[in-house]
Amino acid sequence: MEETAAPQKGTVTQRAIERITAMIREGELEPGERLPTERDLAARLGISRSSMREAIRALTVLGVVEARHGSGIYVTRLEAGDLLETFGVVADLSRGRSLVELLEVRRVLESTATALAAARITPERLAEVERHLAAMNAADDPEHILAHDLAFHREIAAAAGNETMAAILEGLSSRTFRARVWRGYQEEGAFARTRREHAAIHRALAARDPEAARAAAAAHVGAVEEWLRAQL
């Protein structure tokens, strides 16, 4: 029988989500494996097909499963970047105090990632960081500056060697979010200071100095955080 009360339906759907994720967690379903049909899963879990459909839809949004046209529903690779994509949505839609909270989280993670990068960065990746820094310093177009700013921090996060941390930072540093903060921040005439902050981060990476890198990154994000607090 189909559920009719919204609260009950939500509870049944949530239970279905938990059961499917448990199957994945316990190895009953492996990354890349095809799920049983919607009908079979619904019968197996003792719920309606409509509730099962909602559960699959929610897991698809979360990046846990994916629909392949004409083939069925499959468990994804379960990589951090796929599972944490929703961080970007949170960053894009946040306002007011929530923006400050996101910057606080980013400051903690960015400083840690930059410290790790100072110890682990390869000469090739360091050259890429330097290339984006030079491009930022040479550009006048805000869009070009923003693109290289994103790439500068993305290379550093990748150099840290922690894919989960890099994925979270990617979400916290979504282009839309950074553009909103960047636009206002630069209107205050702070680009010269931003250039100095990026240069300090690069120097610490080049010196292979984790603590200097941590401090430089924290100061960089902290300056934007301080500016945003003042606006609020």
Protein backbone atom coordinates (compact mmCIF):
# COMPACT_ATOMS: atom_id res chain seq x y z
CA MET A 1 0.00 0.00 0.00
CA GLU A 2 1.24 3.48 -0.85
CA GLU A 3 1.99 5.78 2.09
CA THR A 4 -0.24 8.83 2.17
CA ALA A 5 0.91 10.84 5.20
CA ALA A 6 3.90 13.03 4.38
CA PRO A 7 5.72 12.55 7.72
CA GLN A 8 5.36 8.75 7.49
CA LYS A 9 6.52 8.76 3.88
CA GLY A 10 9.55 10.82 4.79
CA THR A 11 10.41 8.37 7.59
CA VAL A 12 10.06 5.35 5.30
CA THR A 13 12.20 7.03 2.64
CA GLN A 14 14.87 7.88 5.19
CA ARG A 15 14.89 4.29 6.37
CA ALA A 16 15.34 3.12 2.78
CA ILE A 17 18.29 5.52 2.36
CA GLU A 18 19.87 4.15 5.53
CA ARG A 19 19.36 0.54 4.43
CA ILE A 20 20.92 1.11 1.01
CA THR A 21 23.90 2.99 2.46
CA ALA A 22 24.33 0.15 4.98
CA MET A 23 24.43 -2.34 2.09
CA ILE A 24 27.22 -0.27 0.52
CA ARG A 25 29.07 0.21 3.80
CA GLU A 26 28.99 -3.50 4.60
CA GLY A 27 30.18 -4.50 1.13
CA GLU A 28 26.94 -6.00 -0.05
CA LEU A 29 27.00 -3.42 -2.85
CA GLU A 30 30.40 -2.40 -4.20
CA PRO A 31 31.43 0.82 -6.01
CA GLY A 32 30.46 0.49 -9.66
CA GLU A 33 27.98 -2.31 -8.98
CA ARG A 34 24.43 -2.19 -10.34
CA LEU A 35 21.64 -1.96 -7.77
CA PRO A 36 18.76 -4.45 -7.85
CA THR A 37 15.70 -3.14 -9.67
CA GLU A 38 13.49 -0.62 -7.94
CA ARG A 39 10.78 -3.30 -7.63
CA ASP A 40 13.16 -5.86 -6.11
CA LEU A 41 14.67 -3.37 -3.67
CA ALA A 42 11.25 -2.16 -2.56
CA ALA A 43 10.09 -5.75 -1.96
CA ARG A 44 13.31 -6.63 -0.17
CA LEU A 45 13.08 -3.63 2.19
CA GLY A 46 9.33 -3.95 2.61
CA ILE A 47 8.45 -0.47 1.38
CA SER A 48 6.49 1.02 -1.51
CA ARG A 49 8.09 1.68 -4.88
CA SER A 50 7.34 5.40 -4.54
CA SER A 51 9.32 5.58 -1.29
CA MET A 52 12.13 3.59 -2.89
CA ARG A 53 12.08 5.97 -5.86
CA GLU A 54 12.46 8.94 -3.51
CA ALA A 55 15.34 7.24 -1.69
CA ILE A 56 17.17 6.56 -4.97
CA ARG A 57 16.58 10.16 -6.06
CA ALA A 58 18.06 11.47 -2.78
CA LEU A 59 21.08 9.17 -3.03
CA THR A 60 21.61 10.34 -6.61
CA VAL A 61 21.69 13.96 -5.50
CA LEU A 62 24.21 13.04 -2.81
CA GLY A 63 26.43 11.34 -5.39
CA VAL A 64 26.12 7.88 -3.82
CA VAL A 65 24.38 6.31 -6.83
CA GLU A 66 24.01 7.31 -10.46
CA ALA A 67 21.46 6.53 -13.14
CA ARG A 68 22.79 5.18 -16.43
CA HIS A 69 20.29 5.57 -19.23
CA GLY A 70 18.93 2.25 -20.35
CA SER A 71 21.12 0.35 -17.92
CA GLY A 72 19.92 0.99 -14.36
CA ILE A 73 21.15 2.50 -11.11
CA TYR A 74 24.76 1.99 -10.08
CA VAL A 75 26.82 2.74 -6.99
CA THR A 76 29.25 5.53 -7.86
CA ARG A 77 32.99 5.36 -7.35
CA LEU A 78 32.28 6.91 -3.92
CA GLU A 79 35.13 9.37 -4.30
CA ALA A 80 35.29 12.37 -2.00
CA GLY A 81 34.91 14.88 -4.82
CA ASP A 82 31.61 13.31 -5.91
CA LEU A 83 30.19 12.90 -2.42
CA LEU A 84 31.08 16.42 -1.28
CA GLU A 85 29.79 18.35 -4.30
CA THR A 86 26.87 19.61 -2.21
CA PHE A 87 29.32 21.77 -0.26
CA GLY A 88 29.37 24.04 -3.28
CA VAL A 89 25.60 24.46 -3.13
CA VAL A 90 25.81 25.39 0.55
CA ALA A 91 28.51 27.95 -0.20
CA ASP A 92 26.60 29.40 -3.14
CA LEU A 93 23.37 29.90 -1.19
CA SER A 94 24.73 31.03 2.18
CA ARG A 95 24.23 34.60 3.32
CA GLY A 96 25.10 36.82 6.26
CA ARG A 97 26.49 35.02 9.29
CA SER A 98 26.58 31.73 7.40
CA LEU A 99 29.14 33.23 5.01
CA VAL A 100 31.36 34.12 7.95
CA GLU A 101 31.03 30.58 9.32
CA LEU A 102 32.04 29.14 5.96
CA LEU A 103 35.10 31.38 5.91
CA GLU A 104 36.00 30.22 9.42
CA VAL A 105 35.90 26.60 8.26
CA ARG A 106 37.85 27.46 5.14
CA ARG A 107 40.50 29.29 7.19
CA VAL A 108 41.10 26.20 9.34
CA LEU A 109 41.22 23.78 6.40
CA GLU A 110 43.11 26.07 4.03
CA SER A 111 45.86 26.70 6.56
CA THR A 112 46.17 22.97 7.28
CA ALA A 113 46.20 22.06 3.58
CA THR A 114 48.82 24.72 2.85
CA ALA A 115 51.04 23.45 5.66
CA LEU A 116 50.79 19.91 4.29
CA ALA A 117 51.49 21.21 0.79
CA ALA A 118 54.67 22.91 1.96
CA ALA A 119 55.99 19.52 3.03
CA ARG A 120 54.73 17.55 0.04
CA ILE A 121 54.57 19.82 -3.01
CA THR A 122 56.47 18.70 -6.09
CA PRO A 123 58.59 21.08 -8.17
CA GLU A 124 56.11 20.74 -11.02
CA ARG A 125 53.11 21.68 -8.88
CA LEU A 126 55.03 24.52 -7.25
CA ALA A 127 55.74 25.86 -10.74
CA GLU A 128 51.98 25.79 -11.44
CA VAL A 129 51.27 27.71 -8.24
CA GLU A 130 53.85 30.30 -9.28
CA ARG A 131 52.35 30.51 -12.77
CA HIS A 132 48.89 31.31 -11.40
CA LEU A 133 50.36 33.83 -8.99
CA ALA A 134 52.15 35.62 -11.82
CA ALA A 135 48.99 35.61 -13.93
CA MET A 136 46.98 37.11 -11.07
CA ASN A 137 49.54 39.85 -10.59
CA ALA A 138 49.62 40.66 -14.31
CA ALA A 139 45.83 40.71 -14.82
CA ASP A 140 43.42 43.62 -14.51
CA ASP A 141 40.25 41.79 -15.50
CA PRO A 142 38.48 40.59 -12.31
CA GLU A 143 37.30 37.41 -14.06
CA HIS A 144 40.84 36.47 -15.03
CA ILE A 145 42.09 37.27 -11.56
CA LEU A 146 39.36 35.15 -9.99
CA ALA A 147 40.08 32.21 -12.31
CA HIS A 148 43.77 32.20 -11.40
CA ASP A 149 42.98 32.76 -7.72
CA LEU A 150 40.81 29.63 -7.72
CA ALA A 151 43.48 27.68 -9.60
CA PHE A 152 46.21 28.92 -7.21
CA HIS A 153 44.39 27.52 -4.18
CA ARG A 154 43.26 24.39 -6.02
CA GLU A 155 46.86 23.47 -6.86
CA ILE A 156 47.86 23.94 -3.23
CA ALA A 157 44.97 21.80 -1.97
CA ALA A 158 45.92 19.07 -4.42
CA ALA A 159 49.55 19.27 -3.34
CA ALA A 160 48.50 18.54 0.25
CA GLY A 161 47.79 14.98 -0.85
CA ASN A 162 44.46 14.63 0.96
CA GLU A 163 41.65 14.19 -1.54
CA THR A 164 38.87 14.54 1.02
CA MET A 165 40.24 17.83 2.32
CA ALA A 166 40.72 19.07 -1.24
CA ALA A 167 37.12 18.18 -2.08
CA ILE A 168 35.77 20.05 0.93
CA LEU A 169 37.91 23.08 0.09
CA GLU A 170 36.72 22.95 -3.50
CA GLY A 171 33.14 23.19 -2.25
CA LEU A 172 33.94 25.94 0.22
CA SER A 173 35.76 27.82 -2.53
CA SER A 174 33.10 27.50 -5.22
CA ARG A 175 33.42 30.03 -8.01
CA THR A 176 30.11 31.71 -7.20
CA PHE A 177 30.94 32.04 -3.52
CA ARG A 178 34.43 33.35 -4.15
CA ALA A 179 33.15 35.79 -6.76
CA ARG A 180 30.66 37.26 -4.30
CA VAL A 181 33.27 37.77 -1.59
CA TRP A 182 36.01 38.77 -4.02
CA ARG A 183 33.88 41.42 -5.70
CA GLY A 184 33.08 43.18 -2.45
CA TYR A 185 36.55 42.74 -1.03
CA GLN A 186 38.22 44.28 -4.04
CA GLU A 187 35.85 47.20 -4.00
CA GLU A 188 37.58 48.14 -0.77
CA GLY A 189 40.84 48.58 -2.70
CA ALA A 190 42.46 45.57 -1.06
CA PHE A 191 43.99 43.97 -4.15
CA ALA A 192 47.50 45.09 -3.27
CA ARG A 193 47.24 43.38 0.10
CA THR A 194 45.80 40.27 -1.55
CA ARG A 195 48.82 40.13 -3.87
CA ARG A 196 51.15 40.32 -0.88
CA GLU A 197 49.25 37.56 0.90
CA HIS A 198 49.43 35.23 -2.09
CA ALA A 199 53.13 35.98 -2.49
CA ALA A 200 53.72 35.11 1.18
CA ILE A 201 51.99 31.77 0.70
CA HIS A 202 54.12 31.03 -2.37
CA ARG A 203 57.34 31.95 -0.54
CA ALA A 204 56.48 29.58 2.31
CA LEU A 205 55.76 26.77 -0.15
CA ALA A 206 59.00 27.40 -2.02
CA ALA A 207 60.90 27.37 1.28
CA ARG A 208 59.22 24.06 2.23
CA ASP A 209 58.23 25.71 5.55
CA PRO A 210 54.94 24.21 6.81
CA GLU A 211 54.46 26.58 9.75
CA ALA A 212 55.11 29.68 7.65
CA ALA A 213 52.72 28.30 5.04
CA ARG A 214 50.06 27.65 7.68
CA ALA A 215 50.39 31.19 9.06
CA ALA A 216 50.35 32.82 5.62
CA ALA A 217 47.23 30.94 4.53
CA ALA A 218 45.43 31.64 7.80
CA ALA A 219 46.26 35.33 7.52
CA HIS A 220 45.04 35.43 3.92
CA VAL A 221 41.64 33.86 4.58
CA GLY A 222 41.43 35.61 7.94
CA ALA A 223 41.76 39.02 6.28
CA VAL A 224 38.74 38.32 4.08
CA GLU A 225 36.86 36.93 7.07
CA GLU A 226 37.62 40.08 9.07
CA TRP A 227 36.44 42.27 6.20
CA LEU A 228 33.20 40.30 5.88
CA ARG A 229 32.50 40.53 9.61
CA ALA A 230 32.83 44.29 9.35
CA GLN A 231 30.26 44.36 6.55
CA LEU A 232 27.77 42.51 8.72
